[in-house]
Amino acid sequence: MPNKFDNVKDEDFLDVMGYVQEERARAMAAAILRLKKSIDEFNAKSSEQTRKMIRLTKWITGLTMAMLVAVIVQIVLIIKNSL
């Protein structure tokens, strides 16, 4: 049974295969660039979120220290008043 590719020369077939491989390589390169862009955006957002969390942690630490000082002052006042 004849095949529709029987009349195709080997050189023509290799040219088509080369073209297909080039197109596939271009598509893969484009996908890699999109992936890199997504990763860069994620890293930028993650870094910003980390900075915000560190700032929040510093505020919490400061407020905790202020509460500790207030408790110490109250204890000192109670001791002075009880004497």
PDB file of N, CA and C in Angstrom:
ATOM      1  N   MET A   1       0.852  -1.180   0.000  1.00  0.00           N
ATOM      2  CA  MET A   1       0.000   0.000   0.000  1.00  0.00           C
ATOM      3  C   MET A   1       0.896   1.241   0.000  1.00  0.00           C
ATOM      4  N   PRO A   2       0.668   2.164  -0.901  1.00  0.00           N
ATOM      5  CA  PRO A   2       1.529   3.336  -0.989  1.00  0.00           C
ATOM      6  C   PRO A   2       1.312   4.287   0.189  1.00  0.00           C
ATOM      7  N   ASN A   3       2.396   4.879   0.602  1.00  0.00           N
ATOM      8  CA  ASN A   3       2.377   5.842   1.717  1.00  0.00           C
ATOM      9  C   ASN A   3       2.471   7.239   1.125  1.00  0.00           C
ATOM     10  N   LYS A   4       1.828   8.215   1.748  1.00  0.00           N
ATOM     11  CA  LYS A   4       1.857   9.573   1.189  1.00  0.00           C
ATOM     12  C   LYS A   4       3.250  10.203   1.299  1.00  0.00           C
ATOM     13  N   PHE A   5       4.135   9.589   2.103  1.00  0.00           N
ATOM     14  CA  PHE A   5       5.497  10.110   2.242  1.00  0.00           C
ATOM     15  C   PHE A   5       6.504   9.371   1.364  1.00  0.00           C
ATOM     16  N   ASP A   6       6.017   8.486   0.526  1.00  0.00           N
ATOM     17  CA  ASP A   6       6.923   7.713  -0.328  1.00  0.00           C
ATOM     18  C   ASP A   6       7.693   8.607  -1.292  1.00  0.00           C
ATOM     19  N   ASN A   7       7.085   9.667  -1.765  1.00  0.00           N
ATOM     20  CA  ASN A   7       7.726  10.533  -2.760  1.00  0.00           C
ATOM     21  C   ASN A   7       8.567  11.638  -2.121  1.00  0.00           C
ATOM     22  N   VAL A   8       8.598  11.694  -0.798  1.00  0.00           N
ATOM     23  CA  VAL A   8       9.354  12.739  -0.105  1.00  0.00           C
ATOM     24  C   VAL A   8      10.818  12.314  -0.028  1.00  0.00           C
ATOM     25  N   LYS A   9      11.687  13.233  -0.417  1.00  0.00           N
ATOM     26  CA  LYS A   9      13.117  12.946  -0.360  1.00  0.00           C
ATOM     27  C   LYS A   9      13.594  13.044   1.087  1.00  0.00           C
ATOM     28  N   ASP A  10      14.665  12.329   1.371  1.00  0.00           N
ATOM     29  CA  ASP A  10      15.222  12.341   2.727  1.00  0.00           C
ATOM     30  C   ASP A  10      15.637  13.748   3.139  1.00  0.00           C
ATOM     31  N   GLU A  11      16.198  14.525   2.229  1.00  0.00           N
ATOM     32  CA  GLU A  11      16.640  15.880   2.553  1.00  0.00           C
ATOM     33  C   GLU A  11      15.462  16.757   2.963  1.00  0.00           C
ATOM     34  N   ASP A  12      14.345  16.611   2.226  1.00  0.00           N
ATOM     35  CA  ASP A  12      13.150  17.399   2.542  1.00  0.00           C
ATOM     36  C   ASP A  12      12.613  17.012   3.924  1.00  0.00           C
ATOM     37  N   PHE A  13      12.611  15.716   4.184  1.00  0.00           N
ATOM     38  CA  PHE A  13      12.132  15.243   5.477  1.00  0.00           C
ATOM     39  C   PHE A  13      13.009  15.773   6.607  1.00  0.00           C
ATOM     40  N   LEU A  14      14.324  15.754   6.402  1.00  0.00           N
ATOM     41  CA  LEU A  14      15.245  16.268   7.419  1.00  0.00           C
ATOM     42  C   LEU A  14      15.063  17.765   7.616  1.00  0.00           C
ATOM     43  N   ASP A  15      14.787  18.509   6.549  1.00  0.00           N
ATOM     44  CA  ASP A  15      14.527  19.948   6.672  1.00  0.00           C
ATOM     45  C   ASP A  15      13.290  20.196   7.530  1.00  0.00           C
ATOM     46  N   VAL A  16      12.247  19.415   7.278  1.00  0.00           N
ATOM     47  CA  VAL A  16      11.009  19.569   8.057  1.00  0.00           C
ATOM     48  C   VAL A  16      11.270  19.216   9.515  1.00  0.00           C
ATOM     49  N   MET A  17      12.000  18.149   9.755  1.00  0.00           N
ATOM     50  CA  MET A  17      12.310  17.752  11.139  1.00  0.00           C
ATOM     51  C   MET A  17      13.136  18.825  11.841  1.00  0.00           C
ATOM     52  N   GLY A  18      14.088  19.415  11.121  1.00  0.00           N
ATOM     53  CA  GLY A  18      14.890  20.490  11.695  1.00  0.00           C
ATOM     54  C   GLY A  18      14.026  21.680  12.060  1.00  0.00           C
ATOM     55  N   TYR A  19      13.073  22.019  11.181  1.00  0.00           N
ATOM     56  CA  TYR A  19      12.166  23.135  11.448  1.00  0.00           C
ATOM     57  C   TYR A  19      11.317  22.847  12.689  1.00  0.00           C
ATOM     58  N   VAL A  20      10.802  21.628  12.777  1.00  0.00           N
ATOM     59  CA  VAL A  20       9.974  21.252  13.929  1.00  0.00           C
ATOM     60  C   VAL A  20      10.788  21.348  15.216  1.00  0.00           C
ATOM     61  N   GLN A  21      12.014  20.885  15.190  1.00  0.00           N
ATOM     62  CA  GLN A  21      12.871  20.948  16.379  1.00  0.00           C
ATOM     63  C   GLN A  21      13.180  22.391  16.759  1.00  0.00           C
ATOM     64  N   GLU A  22      13.407  23.259  15.761  1.00  0.00           N
ATOM     65  CA  GLU A  22      13.659  24.674  16.054  1.00  0.00           C
ATOM     66  C   GLU A  22      12.439  25.330  16.691  1.00  0.00           C
ATOM     67  N   GLU A  23      11.275  25.041  16.144  1.00  0.00           N
ATOM     68  CA  GLU A  23      10.040  25.602  16.713  1.00  0.00           C
ATOM     69  C   GLU A  23       9.824  25.112  18.143  1.00  0.00           C
ATOM     70  N   ARG A  24      10.104  23.852  18.366  1.00  0.00           N
ATOM     71  CA  ARG A  24       9.964  23.289  19.713  1.00  0.00           C
ATOM     72  C   ARG A  24      10.950  23.948  20.676  1.00  0.00           C
ATOM     73  N   ALA A  25      12.178  24.165  20.198  1.00  0.00           N
ATOM     74  CA  ALA A  25      13.189  24.822  21.034  1.00  0.00           C
ATOM     75  C   ALA A  25      12.763  26.255  21.349  1.00  0.00           C
ATOM     76  N   ARG A  26      12.207  26.971  20.364  1.00  0.00           N
ATOM     77  CA  ARG A  26      11.721  28.334  20.608  1.00  0.00           C
ATOM     78  C   ARG A  26      10.593  28.332  21.635  1.00  0.00           C
ATOM     79  N   ALA A  27       9.672  27.389  21.499  1.00  0.00           N
ATOM     80  CA  ALA A  27       8.558  27.303  22.442  1.00  0.00           C
ATOM     81  C   ALA A  27       9.062  27.006  23.850  1.00  0.00           C
ATOM     82  N   MET A  28      10.045  26.125  23.957  1.00  0.00           N
ATOM     83  CA  MET A  28      10.598  25.800  25.271  1.00  0.00           C
ATOM     84  C   MET A  28      11.326  27.006  25.860  1.00  0.00           C
ATOM     85  N   ALA A  29      12.062  27.736  25.031  1.00  0.00           N
ATOM     86  CA  ALA A  29      12.768  28.928  25.507  1.00  0.00           C
ATOM     87  C   ALA A  29      11.768  29.971  25.993  1.00  0.00           C
ATOM     88  N   ALA A  30      10.679  30.151  25.262  1.00  0.00           N
ATOM     89  CA  ALA A  30       9.648  31.111  25.678  1.00  0.00           C
ATOM     90  C   ALA A  30       9.021  30.685  26.999  1.00  0.00           C
ATOM     91  N   ALA A  31       8.772  29.383  27.150  1.00  0.00           N
ATOM     92  CA  ALA A  31       8.196  28.879  28.401  1.00  0.00           C
ATOM     93  C   ALA A  31       9.163  29.084  29.562  1.00  0.00           C
ATOM     94  N   ILE A  32      10.438  28.873  29.319  1.00  0.00           N
ATOM     95  CA  ILE A  32      11.446  29.070  30.368  1.00  0.00           C
ATOM     96  C   ILE A  32      11.516  30.539  30.769  1.00  0.00           C
ATOM     97  N   LEU A  33      11.450  31.444  29.786  1.00  0.00           N
ATOM     98  CA  LEU A  33      11.471  32.877  30.098  1.00  0.00           C
ATOM     99  C   LEU A  33      10.245  33.282  30.914  1.00  0.00           C
ATOM    100  N   ARG A  34       9.063  32.737  30.552  1.00  0.00           N
ATOM    101  CA  ARG A  34       7.849  33.036  31.337  1.00  0.00           C
ATOM    102  C   ARG A  34       7.975  32.501  32.755  1.00  0.00           C
ATOM    103  N   LEU A  35       8.542  31.324  32.890  1.00  0.00           N
ATOM    104  CA  LEU A  35       8.740  30.734  34.210  1.00  0.00           C
ATOM    105  C   LEU A  35       9.707  31.572  35.040  1.00  0.00           C
ATOM    106  N   LYS A  36      10.802  32.019  34.424  1.00  0.00           N
ATOM    107  CA  LYS A  36      11.772  32.864  35.129  1.00  0.00           C
ATOM    108  C   LYS A  36      11.123  34.164  35.578  1.00  0.00           C
ATOM    109  N   LYS A  37      10.306  34.763  34.716  1.00  0.00           N
ATOM    110  CA  LYS A  37       9.615  36.003  35.074  1.00  0.00           C
ATOM    111  C   LYS A  37       8.678  35.763  36.252  1.00  0.00           C
ATOM    112  N   SER A  38       7.955  34.654  36.226  1.00  0.00           N
ATOM    113  CA  SER A  38       7.053  34.325  37.338  1.00  0.00           C
ATOM    114  C   SER A  38       7.828  34.126  38.638  1.00  0.00           C
ATOM    115  N   ILE A  39       8.951  33.459  38.554  1.00  0.00           N
ATOM    116  CA  ILE A  39       9.773  33.226  39.749  1.00  0.00           C
ATOM    117  C   ILE A  39      10.317  34.545  40.278  1.00  0.00           C
ATOM    118  N   ASP A  40      10.771  35.427  39.375  1.00  0.00           N
ATOM    119  CA  ASP A  40      11.282  36.727  39.804  1.00  0.00           C
ATOM    120  C   ASP A  40      10.191  37.553  40.492  1.00  0.00           C
ATOM    121  N   GLU A  41       8.974  37.535  39.933  1.00  0.00           N
ATOM    122  CA  GLU A  41       7.860  38.257  40.549  1.00  0.00           C
ATOM    123  C   GLU A  41       7.536  37.672  41.924  1.00  0.00           C
ATOM    124  N   PHE A  42       7.525  36.343  42.008  1.00  0.00           N
ATOM    125  CA  PHE A  42       7.251  35.697  43.290  1.00  0.00           C
ATOM    126  C   PHE A  42       8.299  36.080  44.321  1.00  0.00           C
ATOM    127  N   ASN A  43       9.570  36.060  43.920  1.00  0.00           N
ATOM    128  CA  ASN A  43      10.652  36.404  44.849  1.00  0.00           C
ATOM    129  C   ASN A  43      10.538  37.846  45.322  1.00  0.00           C
ATOM    130  N   ALA A  44      10.172  38.754  44.423  1.00  0.00           N
ATOM    131  CA  ALA A  44      10.025  40.159  44.804  1.00  0.00           C
ATOM    132  C   ALA A  44       8.888  40.316  45.818  1.00  0.00           C
ATOM    133  N   LYS A  45       7.755  39.672  45.557  1.00  0.00           N
ATOM    134  CA  LYS A  45       6.622  39.756  46.482  1.00  0.00           C
ATOM    135  C   LYS A  45       6.956  39.083  47.810  1.00  0.00           C
ATOM    136  N   SER A  46       7.668  37.981  47.745  1.00  0.00           N
ATOM    137  CA  SER A  46       8.053  37.275  48.962  1.00  0.00           C
ATOM    138  C   SER A  46       8.998  38.120  49.809  1.00  0.00           C
ATOM    139  N   SER A  47       9.942  38.791  49.159  1.00  0.00           N
ATOM    140  CA  SER A  47      10.876  39.647  49.887  1.00  0.00           C
ATOM    141  C   SER A  47      10.149  40.802  50.561  1.00  0.00           C
ATOM    142  N   GLU A  48       9.192  41.394  49.860  1.00  0.00           N
ATOM    143  CA  GLU A  48       8.409  42.492  50.439  1.00  0.00           C
ATOM    144  C   GLU A  48       7.605  41.996  51.643  1.00  0.00           C
ATOM    145  N   GLN A  49       7.011  40.829  51.515  1.00  0.00           N
ATOM    146  CA  GLN A  49       6.244  40.266  52.627  1.00  0.00           C
ATOM    147  C   GLN A  49       7.168  39.975  53.814  1.00  0.00           C
ATOM    148  N   THR A  50       8.359  39.493  53.558  1.00  0.00           N
ATOM    149  CA  THR A  50       9.325  39.225  54.623  1.00  0.00           C
ATOM    150  C   THR A  50       9.690  40.508  55.349  1.00  0.00           C
ATOM    151  N   ARG A  51       9.930  41.593  54.581  1.00  0.00           N
ATOM    152  CA  ARG A  51      10.246  42.881  55.213  1.00  0.00           C
ATOM    153  C   ARG A  51       9.100  43.343  56.113  1.00  0.00           C
ATOM    154  N   LYS A  52       7.874  43.174  55.652  1.00  0.00           N
ATOM    155  CA  LYS A  52       6.714  43.570  56.460  1.00  0.00           C
ATOM    156  C   LYS A  52       6.621  42.734  57.734  1.00  0.00           C
ATOM    157  N   MET A  53       6.884  41.441  57.624  1.00  0.00           N
ATOM    158  CA  MET A  53       6.829  40.568  58.799  1.00  0.00           C
ATOM    159  C   MET A  53       7.917  40.933  59.814  1.00  0.00           C
ATOM    160  N   ILE A  54       9.098  41.272  59.332  1.00  0.00           N
ATOM    161  CA  ILE A  54      10.181  41.673  60.237  1.00  0.00           C
ATOM    162  C   ILE A  54       9.804  42.969  60.958  1.00  0.00           C
ATOM    163  N   ARG A  55       9.234  43.927  60.208  1.00  0.00           N
ATOM    164  CA  ARG A  55       8.805  45.193  60.811  1.00  0.00           C
ATOM    165  C   ARG A  55       7.730  44.940  61.873  1.00  0.00           C
ATOM    166  N   LEU A  56       6.780  44.075  61.564  1.00  0.00           N
ATOM    167  CA  LEU A  56       5.724  43.729  62.521  1.00  0.00           C
ATOM    168  C   LEU A  56       6.312  43.072  63.764  1.00  0.00           C
ATOM    169  N   THR A  57       7.261  42.181  63.566  1.00  0.00           N
ATOM    170  CA  THR A  57       7.906  41.510  64.699  1.00  0.00           C
ATOM    171  C   THR A  57       8.629  42.511  65.591  1.00  0.00           C
ATOM    172  N   LYS A  58       9.284  43.493  64.979  1.00  0.00           N
ATOM    173  CA  LYS A  58       9.954  44.523  65.778  1.00  0.00           C
ATOM    174  C   LYS A  58       8.945  45.336  66.582  1.00  0.00           C
ATOM    175  N   TRP A  59       7.806  45.663  65.983  1.00  0.00           N
ATOM    176  CA  TRP A  59       6.759  46.393  66.712  1.00  0.00           C
ATOM    177  C   TRP A  59       6.239  45.566  67.884  1.00  0.00           C
ATOM    178  N   ILE A  60       6.008  44.297  67.655  1.00  0.00           N
ATOM    179  CA  ILE A  60       5.519  43.420  68.724  1.00  0.00           C
ATOM    180  C   ILE A  60       6.546  43.338  69.845  1.00  0.00           C
ATOM    181  N   THR A  61       7.823  43.236  69.493  1.00  0.00           N
ATOM    182  CA  THR A  61       8.887  43.193  70.498  1.00  0.00           C
ATOM    183  C   THR A  61       8.907  44.486  71.312  1.00  0.00           C
ATOM    184  N   GLY A  62       8.803  45.621  70.632  1.00  0.00           N
ATOM    185  CA  GLY A  62       8.782  46.915  71.322  1.00  0.00           C
ATOM    186  C   GLY A  62       7.599  47.036  72.272  1.00  0.00           C
ATOM    187  N   LEU A  63       6.431  46.629  71.814  1.00  0.00           N
ATOM    188  CA  LEU A  63       5.245  46.697  72.670  1.00  0.00           C
ATOM    189  C   LEU A  63       5.357  45.740  73.858  1.00  0.00           C
ATOM    190  N   THR A  64       5.940  44.588  73.643  1.00  0.00           N
ATOM    191  CA  THR A  64       6.150  43.638  74.730  1.00  0.00           C
ATOM    192  C   THR A  64       7.088  44.220  75.779  1.00  0.00           C
ATOM    193  N   MET A  65       8.150  44.875  75.316  1.00  0.00           N
ATOM    194  CA  MET A  65       9.085  45.506  76.255  1.00  0.00           C
ATOM    195  C   MET A  65       8.386  46.618  77.039  1.00  0.00           C
ATOM    196  N   ALA A  66       7.546  47.405  76.363  1.00  0.00           N
ATOM    197  CA  ALA A  66       6.810  48.478  77.043  1.00  0.00           C
ATOM    198  C   ALA A  66       5.877  47.894  78.106  1.00  0.00           C
ATOM    199  N   MET A  67       5.215  46.783  77.773  1.00  0.00           N
ATOM    200  CA  MET A  67       4.330  46.137  78.757  1.00  0.00           C
ATOM    201  C   MET A  67       5.143  45.622  79.946  1.00  0.00           C
ATOM    202  N   LEU A  68       6.324  45.078  79.678  1.00  0.00           N
ATOM    203  CA  LEU A  68       7.185  44.575  80.741  1.00  0.00           C
ATOM    204  C   LEU A  68       7.598  45.719  81.674  1.00  0.00           C
ATOM    205  N   VAL A  69       7.974  46.850  81.105  1.00  0.00           N
ATOM    206  CA  VAL A  69       8.329  48.014  81.917  1.00  0.00           C
ATOM    207  C   VAL A  69       7.125  48.461  82.749  1.00  0.00           C
ATOM    208  N   ALA A  70       5.941  48.486  82.137  1.00  0.00           N
ATOM    209  CA  ALA A  70       4.734  48.894  82.865  1.00  0.00           C
ATOM    210  C   ALA A  70       4.461  47.948  84.029  1.00  0.00           C
ATOM    211  N   VAL A  71       4.642  46.651  83.814  1.00  0.00           N
ATOM    212  CA  VAL A  71       4.417  45.678  84.891  1.00  0.00           C
ATOM    213  C   VAL A  71       5.432  45.891  86.011  1.00  0.00           C
ATOM    214  N   ILE A  72       6.685  46.124  85.659  1.00  0.00           N
ATOM    215  CA  ILE A  72       7.718  46.361  86.680  1.00  0.00           C
ATOM    216  C   ILE A  72       7.394  47.616  87.478  1.00  0.00           C
ATOM    217  N   VAL A  73       6.958  48.671  86.805  1.00  0.00           N
ATOM    218  CA  VAL A  73       6.584  49.915  87.490  1.00  0.00           C
ATOM    219  C   VAL A  73       5.426  49.651  88.450  1.00  0.00           C
ATOM    220  N   GLN A  74       4.434  48.903  88.005  1.00  0.00           N
ATOM    221  CA  GLN A  74       3.292  48.589  88.870  1.00  0.00           C
ATOM    222  C   GLN A  74       3.734  47.778  90.085  1.00  0.00           C
ATOM    223  N   ILE A  75       4.619  46.821  89.887  1.00  0.00           N
ATOM    224  CA  ILE A  75       5.107  46.014  91.018  1.00  0.00           C
ATOM    225  C   ILE A  75       5.855  46.905  92.006  1.00  0.00           C
ATOM    226  N   VAL A  76       6.701  47.788  91.489  1.00  0.00           N
ATOM    227  CA  VAL A  76       7.443  48.700  92.369  1.00  0.00           C
ATOM    228  C   VAL A  76       6.479  49.588  93.145  1.00  0.00           C
ATOM    229  N   LEU A  77       5.462  50.120  92.482  1.00  0.00           N
ATOM    230  CA  LEU A  77       4.481  50.979  93.165  1.00  0.00           C
ATOM    231  C   LEU A  77       3.701  50.215  94.232  1.00  0.00           C
ATOM    232  N   ILE A  78       3.346  48.969  93.922  1.00  0.00           N
ATOM    233  CA  ILE A  78       2.625  48.158  94.918  1.00  0.00           C
ATOM    234  C   ILE A  78       3.526  47.901  96.135  1.00  0.00           C
ATOM    235  N   ILE A  79       4.778  47.591  95.894  1.00  0.00           N
ATOM    236  CA  ILE A  79       5.708  47.323  97.003  1.00  0.00           C
ATOM    237  C   ILE A  79       5.892  48.587  97.829  1.00  0.00           C
ATOM    238  N   LYS A  80       6.048  49.751  97.198  1.00  0.00           N
ATOM    239  CA  LYS A  80       6.227  51.007  97.948  1.00  0.00           C
ATOM    240  C   LYS A  80       4.989  51.327  98.769  1.00  0.00           C
ATOM    241  N   ASN A  81       3.824  51.114  98.210  1.00  0.00           N
ATOM    242  CA  ASN A  81       2.590  51.432  98.931  1.00  0.00           C
ATOM    243  C   ASN A  81       2.326  50.453 100.081  1.00  0.00           C
ATOM    244  N   SER A  82       2.822  49.243  99.957  1.00  0.00           N
ATOM    245  CA  SER A  82       2.572  48.272 101.014  1.00  0.00           C
ATOM    246  C   SER A  82       3.546  48.431 102.196  1.00  0.00           C
ATOM    247  N   LEU A  83       4.605  49.142 102.010  1.00  0.00           N
ATOM    248  CA  LEU A  83       5.577  49.330 103.095  1.00  0.00           C
ATOM    249  C   LEU A  83       5.174  50.418 103.973  1.00  0.00           C
TER     250      LEU A  83
END
